[in-house]
């Protein structure tokens, strides 16, 4: 009987060990801000906060609309150093593709320099805060 009690107690403690804070994920902060390119708001795009090299954390992102963004999904951006990737596309001038009887498609292209997305040089240090952090990005050509 004593052996059975020890086995049950051991199994119970092992099953509870996985129920701690590790399941809740990293601490996060809501981040909001403005994104401009050549002094004008980025009308549509995406912003991503990626964990800096050597840091394990999930990425977080949001849509940019009329130059503004707000990252709040799952509590926001994980606290710590991040690389920031910003993409924005706009229609290519005078190029239209018509599918067989379908609607016109206007191809788009990435217009922000690669140093803001594919080869990003942007960084941010996300700190714990009860209020949303405001981080603006004024991008140059």
N, C-alpha and C. Protein backbone atom coordinates (compact mmCIF):
# COMPACT_ATOMS: atom_id res chain seq x y z
N UNK A 1 0.82 -1.18 0.00
CA UNK A 1 0.00 0.00 0.00
C UNK A 1 0.87 1.25 0.00
N UNK A 2 1.94 1.24 0.80
CA UNK A 2 2.83 2.38 0.86
C UNK A 2 3.48 2.62 -0.50
N UNK A 3 3.84 1.55 -1.21
CA UNK A 3 4.45 1.65 -2.53
C UNK A 3 3.47 2.28 -3.53
N UNK A 4 2.19 1.89 -3.48
CA UNK A 4 1.18 2.43 -4.39
C UNK A 4 1.01 3.93 -4.13
N UNK A 5 0.98 4.35 -2.87
CA UNK A 5 0.85 5.77 -2.53
C UNK A 5 2.02 6.56 -3.09
N UNK A 6 3.23 6.05 -2.98
CA UNK A 6 4.43 6.73 -3.49
C UNK A 6 4.35 6.85 -5.01
N UNK A 7 3.89 5.80 -5.69
CA UNK A 7 3.77 5.82 -7.15
C UNK A 7 2.76 6.88 -7.58
N UNK A 8 1.61 6.94 -6.92
CA UNK A 8 0.58 7.93 -7.26
C UNK A 8 1.09 9.34 -6.98
N UNK A 9 1.75 9.56 -5.86
CA UNK A 9 2.28 10.87 -5.50
C UNK A 9 3.33 11.32 -6.50
N UNK A 10 4.17 10.40 -6.93
CA UNK A 10 5.21 10.72 -7.90
C UNK A 10 4.59 11.08 -9.26
N UNK A 11 3.62 10.30 -9.71
CA UNK A 11 2.95 10.57 -10.98
C UNK A 11 2.23 11.91 -10.94
N UNK A 12 1.58 12.22 -9.82
CA UNK A 12 0.87 13.47 -9.67
C UNK A 12 1.84 14.65 -9.71
N UNK A 13 2.96 14.54 -9.05
CA UNK A 13 3.92 15.65 -9.03
C UNK A 13 4.52 15.86 -10.42
N UNK A 14 4.76 14.79 -11.16
CA UNK A 14 5.27 14.93 -12.52
C UNK A 14 4.26 15.59 -13.44
N UNK A 15 2.99 15.24 -13.30
CA UNK A 15 1.98 15.83 -14.17
C UNK A 15 1.77 17.30 -13.86
N UNK A 16 1.94 17.71 -12.61
CA UNK A 16 1.78 19.11 -12.24
C UNK A 16 2.99 19.95 -12.61
N UNK A 17 4.13 19.32 -12.79
CA UNK A 17 5.35 20.06 -13.10
C UNK A 17 5.23 20.82 -14.40
N UNK A 18 4.45 20.34 -15.35
CA UNK A 18 4.29 21.03 -16.63
C UNK A 18 3.24 22.11 -16.60
N UNK A 19 2.63 22.40 -15.48
CA UNK A 19 1.53 23.36 -15.43
C UNK A 19 1.94 24.72 -14.90
N UNK A 20 3.21 24.99 -14.81
CA UNK A 20 3.67 26.26 -14.26
C UNK A 20 3.71 27.36 -15.29
N UNK A 21 4.53 28.37 -15.05
CA UNK A 21 4.58 29.54 -15.90
C UNK A 21 5.14 29.27 -17.29
N UNK A 22 5.82 28.15 -17.49
CA UNK A 22 6.35 27.86 -18.82
C UNK A 22 5.24 27.75 -19.85
N UNK A 23 4.04 27.35 -19.43
CA UNK A 23 2.93 27.23 -20.36
C UNK A 23 2.33 28.57 -20.73
N UNK A 24 2.58 29.60 -19.95
CA UNK A 24 1.98 30.90 -20.23
C UNK A 24 2.81 31.70 -21.22
N UNK A 25 4.01 31.29 -21.51
CA UNK A 25 4.85 31.99 -22.47
C UNK A 25 5.58 33.16 -21.85
N UNK A 26 6.34 33.89 -22.69
CA UNK A 26 7.14 35.00 -22.17
C UNK A 26 6.27 36.21 -21.81
N UNK A 27 6.83 37.07 -20.96
CA UNK A 27 6.16 38.34 -20.66
C UNK A 27 6.14 39.17 -21.94
N UNK A 28 5.06 39.94 -22.11
CA UNK A 28 4.89 40.72 -23.34
C UNK A 28 4.43 42.13 -23.02
N UNK A 29 4.55 43.00 -24.02
CA UNK A 29 4.05 44.37 -23.90
C UNK A 29 3.34 44.73 -25.21
N UNK A 30 2.24 45.47 -25.09
CA UNK A 30 1.56 45.97 -26.28
C UNK A 30 2.42 47.10 -26.85
N UNK A 31 2.64 47.06 -28.16
CA UNK A 31 3.46 48.07 -28.83
C UNK A 31 2.62 48.71 -29.93
N UNK A 32 2.68 50.02 -29.98
CA UNK A 32 1.93 50.79 -30.97
C UNK A 32 2.84 51.86 -31.53
N UNK A 33 2.50 52.39 -32.69
CA UNK A 33 3.33 53.45 -33.24
C UNK A 33 2.95 53.82 -34.65
N UNK A 34 3.81 54.64 -35.23
CA UNK A 34 3.61 55.15 -36.59
C UNK A 34 4.79 54.72 -37.45
N UNK A 35 4.51 54.49 -38.74
CA UNK A 35 5.55 54.14 -39.70
C UNK A 35 5.42 55.09 -40.88
N UNK A 36 6.50 55.83 -41.14
CA UNK A 36 6.51 56.73 -42.29
C UNK A 36 7.68 56.36 -43.21
N UNK A 37 7.53 56.67 -44.49
CA UNK A 37 8.59 56.49 -45.47
C UNK A 37 8.65 57.77 -46.29
N UNK A 38 9.82 58.37 -46.36
CA UNK A 38 10.02 59.65 -47.04
C UNK A 38 9.07 60.71 -46.48
N UNK A 39 8.82 60.65 -45.16
CA UNK A 39 8.00 61.64 -44.50
C UNK A 39 6.50 61.43 -44.62
N UNK A 40 6.06 60.39 -45.34
CA UNK A 40 4.63 60.13 -45.53
C UNK A 40 4.25 58.82 -44.85
N UNK A 41 3.03 58.74 -44.28
CA UNK A 41 2.59 57.49 -43.65
C UNK A 41 2.58 56.32 -44.64
N UNK A 42 3.04 55.16 -44.18
CA UNK A 42 2.95 53.94 -45.00
C UNK A 42 1.47 53.55 -44.99
N UNK A 43 0.84 53.56 -46.16
CA UNK A 43 -0.61 53.35 -46.20
C UNK A 43 -1.02 51.93 -45.83
N UNK A 44 -0.28 50.95 -46.32
CA UNK A 44 -0.56 49.54 -46.00
C UNK A 44 0.75 48.79 -45.90
N UNK A 45 0.83 47.89 -44.92
CA UNK A 45 2.03 47.09 -44.79
C UNK A 45 1.94 46.15 -43.60
N UNK A 46 3.07 45.59 -43.25
CA UNK A 46 3.19 44.67 -42.11
C UNK A 46 4.43 45.06 -41.31
N UNK A 47 4.34 44.88 -40.00
CA UNK A 47 5.49 45.07 -39.13
C UNK A 47 5.63 43.82 -38.28
N UNK A 48 6.87 43.34 -38.16
CA UNK A 48 7.17 42.13 -37.38
C UNK A 48 8.28 42.43 -36.41
N UNK A 49 8.11 41.99 -35.18
CA UNK A 49 9.14 42.05 -34.15
C UNK A 49 9.65 40.63 -33.97
N UNK A 50 10.92 40.40 -34.32
CA UNK A 50 11.54 39.09 -34.29
C UNK A 50 12.57 39.04 -33.17
N UNK A 51 12.66 37.92 -32.45
CA UNK A 51 13.66 37.86 -31.38
C UNK A 51 15.07 38.07 -31.95
N UNK A 52 15.87 38.87 -31.25
CA UNK A 52 17.25 39.12 -31.67
C UNK A 52 18.02 37.80 -31.67
N UNK A 53 19.10 37.76 -32.43
CA UNK A 53 19.92 36.56 -32.56
C UNK A 53 20.30 36.02 -31.19
N UNK A 54 20.17 34.72 -31.01
CA UNK A 54 20.53 34.06 -29.78
C UNK A 54 19.44 34.10 -28.71
N UNK A 55 18.32 34.71 -29.02
CA UNK A 55 17.22 34.83 -28.06
C UNK A 55 16.04 33.98 -28.53
N UNK A 56 15.53 33.17 -27.63
CA UNK A 56 14.38 32.34 -27.98
C UNK A 56 13.11 32.99 -27.49
N UNK A 57 12.25 33.37 -28.42
CA UNK A 57 10.95 33.97 -28.12
C UNK A 57 10.14 33.93 -29.40
N UNK A 58 8.84 33.96 -29.29
CA UNK A 58 8.02 33.99 -30.51
C UNK A 58 8.09 35.37 -31.17
N UNK A 59 7.80 35.40 -32.47
CA UNK A 59 7.71 36.68 -33.16
C UNK A 59 6.30 37.23 -32.99
N UNK A 60 6.15 38.52 -33.19
CA UNK A 60 4.85 39.16 -33.06
C UNK A 60 4.75 40.22 -34.15
N UNK A 61 3.56 40.42 -34.68
CA UNK A 61 3.42 41.40 -35.74
C UNK A 61 2.02 41.95 -35.85
N UNK A 62 1.88 42.92 -36.76
CA UNK A 62 0.59 43.56 -36.97
C UNK A 62 0.55 44.18 -38.36
N UNK A 63 -0.64 44.54 -38.77
CA UNK A 63 -0.85 45.24 -40.02
C UNK A 63 -0.63 46.73 -39.80
N UNK A 64 -0.03 47.38 -40.79
CA UNK A 64 0.11 48.83 -40.78
C UNK A 64 -1.01 49.38 -41.66
N UNK A 65 -1.80 50.28 -41.11
CA UNK A 65 -2.88 50.91 -41.86
C UNK A 65 -2.80 52.41 -41.67
N UNK A 66 -2.74 53.14 -42.78
CA UNK A 66 -2.64 54.61 -42.73
C UNK A 66 -1.52 55.08 -41.82
N UNK A 67 -0.40 54.35 -41.83
CA UNK A 67 0.78 54.74 -41.07
C UNK A 67 0.81 54.32 -39.62
N UNK A 68 -0.24 53.63 -39.15
CA UNK A 68 -0.30 53.23 -37.74
C UNK A 68 -0.35 51.72 -37.57
N UNK A 69 0.21 51.24 -36.46
CA UNK A 69 0.15 49.82 -36.14
C UNK A 69 -0.08 49.66 -34.63
N UNK A 70 -0.55 48.47 -34.26
CA UNK A 70 -0.73 48.13 -32.84
C UNK A 70 -0.56 46.61 -32.72
N UNK A 71 0.49 46.18 -32.00
CA UNK A 71 0.75 44.76 -31.78
C UNK A 71 0.20 44.41 -30.40
N UNK A 72 -0.91 43.66 -30.38
CA UNK A 72 -1.52 43.30 -29.11
C UNK A 72 -1.95 41.84 -29.05
N UNK A 73 -1.89 41.12 -30.17
CA UNK A 73 -2.29 39.71 -30.18
C UNK A 73 -1.44 38.92 -29.18
N UNK A 74 -2.08 38.07 -28.41
CA UNK A 74 -1.43 37.24 -27.38
C UNK A 74 -0.68 38.09 -26.35
N UNK A 75 -1.10 39.33 -26.17
CA UNK A 75 -0.48 40.19 -25.17
C UNK A 75 0.59 41.11 -25.69
N UNK A 76 0.92 41.04 -26.99
CA UNK A 76 1.88 41.95 -27.59
C UNK A 76 3.21 41.31 -27.94
N UNK A 77 4.26 42.09 -27.88
CA UNK A 77 5.62 41.69 -28.27
C UNK A 77 6.35 41.15 -27.04
N UNK A 78 7.03 40.00 -27.17
CA UNK A 78 7.82 39.50 -26.04
C UNK A 78 8.87 40.52 -25.59
N UNK A 79 9.03 40.65 -24.27
CA UNK A 79 9.99 41.59 -23.68
C UNK A 79 11.41 41.18 -24.09
N UNK A 80 12.23 42.18 -24.46
CA UNK A 80 13.62 41.93 -24.80
C UNK A 80 14.00 42.58 -26.13
N UNK A 81 15.20 42.25 -26.60
CA UNK A 81 15.73 42.81 -27.84
C UNK A 81 15.10 42.14 -29.05
N UNK A 82 14.73 42.95 -30.02
CA UNK A 82 14.10 42.45 -31.24
C UNK A 82 14.72 43.09 -32.47
N UNK A 83 14.69 42.34 -33.56
CA UNK A 83 14.89 42.91 -34.87
C UNK A 83 13.50 43.27 -35.36
N UNK A 84 13.39 44.32 -36.16
CA UNK A 84 12.11 44.75 -36.67
C UNK A 84 12.14 44.68 -38.19
N UNK A 85 11.12 44.06 -38.76
CA UNK A 85 11.00 43.91 -40.20
C UNK A 85 9.72 44.61 -40.64
N UNK A 86 9.84 45.53 -41.60
CA UNK A 86 8.68 46.27 -42.09
C UNK A 86 8.58 46.07 -43.60
N UNK A 87 7.41 45.66 -44.05
CA UNK A 87 7.17 45.49 -45.48
C UNK A 87 5.98 46.35 -45.90
N UNK A 88 6.02 46.81 -47.14
CA UNK A 88 4.91 47.58 -47.70
C UNK A 88 4.96 47.42 -49.21
N UNK A 89 3.82 47.17 -49.79
CA UNK A 89 3.73 47.00 -51.23
C UNK A 89 2.77 48.02 -51.81
N UNK A 90 3.03 48.38 -53.06
CA UNK A 90 2.09 49.25 -53.77
C UNK A 90 1.95 48.76 -55.20
N UNK A 91 0.85 49.11 -55.84
CA UNK A 91 0.62 48.64 -57.21
C UNK A 91 1.71 49.12 -58.16
N UNK A 92 2.06 48.25 -59.10
CA UNK A 92 3.00 48.65 -60.14
C UNK A 92 2.24 49.52 -61.14
N UNK A 93 2.83 50.61 -61.53
CA UNK A 93 2.16 51.55 -62.43
C UNK A 93 1.90 50.93 -63.80
N UNK A 94 0.70 51.13 -64.29
CA UNK A 94 0.30 50.75 -65.65
C UNK A 94 0.46 49.27 -65.98
N UNK A 95 0.42 48.39 -64.99
CA UNK A 95 0.51 46.96 -65.26
C UNK A 95 -0.77 46.30 -64.73
N UNK A 96 -1.50 45.64 -65.64
CA UNK A 96 -2.72 44.94 -65.24
C UNK A 96 -2.69 43.56 -65.87
N UNK A 97 -3.15 42.59 -65.12
CA UNK A 97 -3.24 41.22 -65.61
C UNK A 97 -4.72 40.85 -65.63
N UNK A 98 -5.18 40.37 -66.77
CA UNK A 98 -6.58 39.96 -66.87
C UNK A 98 -6.60 38.44 -67.03
N UNK A 99 -7.21 37.77 -66.06
CA UNK A 99 -7.37 36.32 -66.14
C UNK A 99 -8.53 36.02 -67.08
N UNK A 100 -8.57 34.82 -67.59
CA UNK A 100 -9.62 34.42 -68.52
C UNK A 100 -11.01 34.70 -67.95
N UNK A 101 -11.59 35.81 -68.35
CA UNK A 101 -12.93 36.16 -67.90
C UNK A 101 -13.01 36.61 -66.46
N UNK A 102 -11.89 36.63 -65.76
CA UNK A 102 -11.89 36.99 -64.34
C UNK A 102 -11.61 38.47 -64.14
N UNK A 103 -11.54 38.88 -62.90
CA UNK A 103 -11.28 40.30 -62.61
C UNK A 103 -9.83 40.67 -62.90
N UNK A 104 -9.61 41.95 -63.10
CA UNK A 104 -8.25 42.45 -63.30
C UNK A 104 -7.44 42.29 -62.02
N UNK A 105 -6.20 41.92 -62.18
CA UNK A 105 -5.28 41.88 -61.05
C UNK A 105 -4.19 42.90 -61.31
N UNK A 106 -3.89 43.68 -60.31
CA UNK A 106 -2.82 44.67 -60.44
C UNK A 106 -1.67 44.19 -59.57
N UNK A 107 -0.56 43.81 -60.19
CA UNK A 107 0.59 43.33 -59.40
C UNK A 107 1.12 44.42 -58.48
N UNK A 108 1.66 43.99 -57.35
CA UNK A 108 2.26 44.92 -56.39
C UNK A 108 3.74 44.59 -56.24
N UNK A 109 4.47 45.55 -55.72
CA UNK A 109 5.89 45.32 -55.45
C UNK A 109 6.28 45.96 -54.13
N UNK A 110 7.25 45.36 -53.49
CA UNK A 110 7.82 45.88 -52.24
C UNK A 110 8.55 47.17 -52.58
N UNK A 111 8.21 48.27 -51.94
CA UNK A 111 8.88 49.53 -52.26
C UNK A 111 9.80 50.04 -51.15
N UNK A 112 9.78 49.41 -49.99
CA UNK A 112 10.71 49.82 -48.93
C UNK A 112 12.06 49.15 -49.18
N UNK A 113 13.15 49.84 -48.93
CA UNK A 113 14.49 49.24 -49.11
C UNK A 113 14.66 47.97 -48.26
N UNK A 114 15.48 47.06 -48.75
CA UNK A 114 15.73 45.78 -48.08
C UNK A 114 16.28 45.96 -46.67
N UNK A 115 16.92 47.08 -46.37
CA UNK A 115 17.46 47.28 -45.02
C UNK A 115 16.37 47.43 -43.97
N UNK A 116 15.10 47.50 -44.41
CA UNK A 116 13.98 47.55 -43.48
C UNK A 116 13.19 46.24 -43.43
N UNK A 117 13.54 45.28 -44.29
CA UNK A 117 12.79 44.02 -44.32
C UNK A 117 13.72 42.83 -44.52
N UNK A 118 14.01 42.44 -45.72
CA UNK A 118 14.80 41.21 -45.95
C UNK A 118 16.18 41.25 -45.31
N UNK A 119 16.81 42.43 -45.27
CA UNK A 119 18.12 42.59 -44.64
C UNK A 119 18.02 43.66 -43.56
N UNK A 120 17.04 43.50 -42.71
CA UNK A 120 16.70 44.56 -41.76
C UNK A 120 17.86 45.00 -40.88
N UNK A 121 17.93 46.30 -40.69
CA UNK A 121 18.88 46.93 -39.77
C UNK A 121 18.14 47.52 -38.57
N UNK A 122 16.81 47.38 -38.56
CA UNK A 122 15.99 47.97 -37.51
C UNK A 122 15.98 47.09 -36.26
N UNK A 123 16.05 47.73 -35.10
CA UNK A 123 15.98 47.01 -33.83
C UNK A 123 15.07 47.77 -32.87
N UNK A 124 14.62 47.08 -31.85
CA UNK A 124 13.83 47.69 -30.79
C UNK A 124 14.09 46.92 -29.51
N UNK A 125 14.12 47.63 -28.40
CA UNK A 125 14.27 47.00 -27.09
C UNK A 125 12.93 47.14 -26.38
N UNK A 126 12.22 46.04 -26.24
CA UNK A 126 10.89 46.03 -25.65
C UNK A 126 11.02 45.87 -24.14
N UNK A 127 10.47 46.81 -23.42
CA UNK A 127 10.53 46.79 -21.96
C UNK A 127 9.14 46.56 -21.39
N UNK A 128 9.08 45.96 -20.20
CA UNK A 128 7.80 45.71 -19.54
C UNK A 128 7.12 47.04 -19.24
N UNK A 129 5.82 47.09 -19.49
CA UNK A 129 5.05 48.30 -19.23
C UNK A 129 3.58 47.95 -19.12
N UNK A 130 2.89 48.62 -18.22
CA UNK A 130 1.44 48.40 -18.11
C UNK A 130 0.71 49.21 -19.18
N UNK A 131 1.35 50.26 -19.71
CA UNK A 131 0.78 51.05 -20.79
C UNK A 131 1.41 50.61 -22.11
N UNK A 132 0.69 50.78 -23.23
CA UNK A 132 1.31 50.43 -24.53
C UNK A 132 2.58 51.24 -24.77
N UNK A 133 3.60 50.58 -25.27
CA UNK A 133 4.84 51.27 -25.65
C UNK A 133 4.62 51.90 -27.02
N UNK A 134 5.11 53.10 -27.20
CA UNK A 134 4.99 53.75 -28.50
C UNK A 134 6.36 53.78 -29.16
N UNK A 135 6.46 53.12 -30.31
CA UNK A 135 7.72 53.08 -31.06
C UNK A 135 7.41 53.46 -32.50
N UNK A 136 7.94 54.61 -32.94
CA UNK A 136 7.72 55.09 -34.30
C UNK A 136 8.94 54.77 -35.16
N UNK A 137 8.69 54.58 -36.46
CA UNK A 137 9.75 54.30 -37.41
C UNK A 137 9.63 55.30 -38.56
N UNK A 138 10.65 56.17 -38.72
CA UNK A 138 10.70 57.14 -39.80
C UNK A 138 11.73 56.64 -40.79
N UNK A 139 11.28 55.97 -41.83
CA UNK A 139 12.15 55.30 -42.78
C UNK A 139 12.57 56.24 -43.91
N UNK A 140 13.83 56.12 -44.30
CA UNK A 140 14.40 56.94 -45.38
C UNK A 140 14.72 56.05 -46.59
N UNK A 141 14.76 56.67 -47.79
CA UNK A 141 15.07 55.86 -49.00
C UNK A 141 16.47 55.29 -48.97
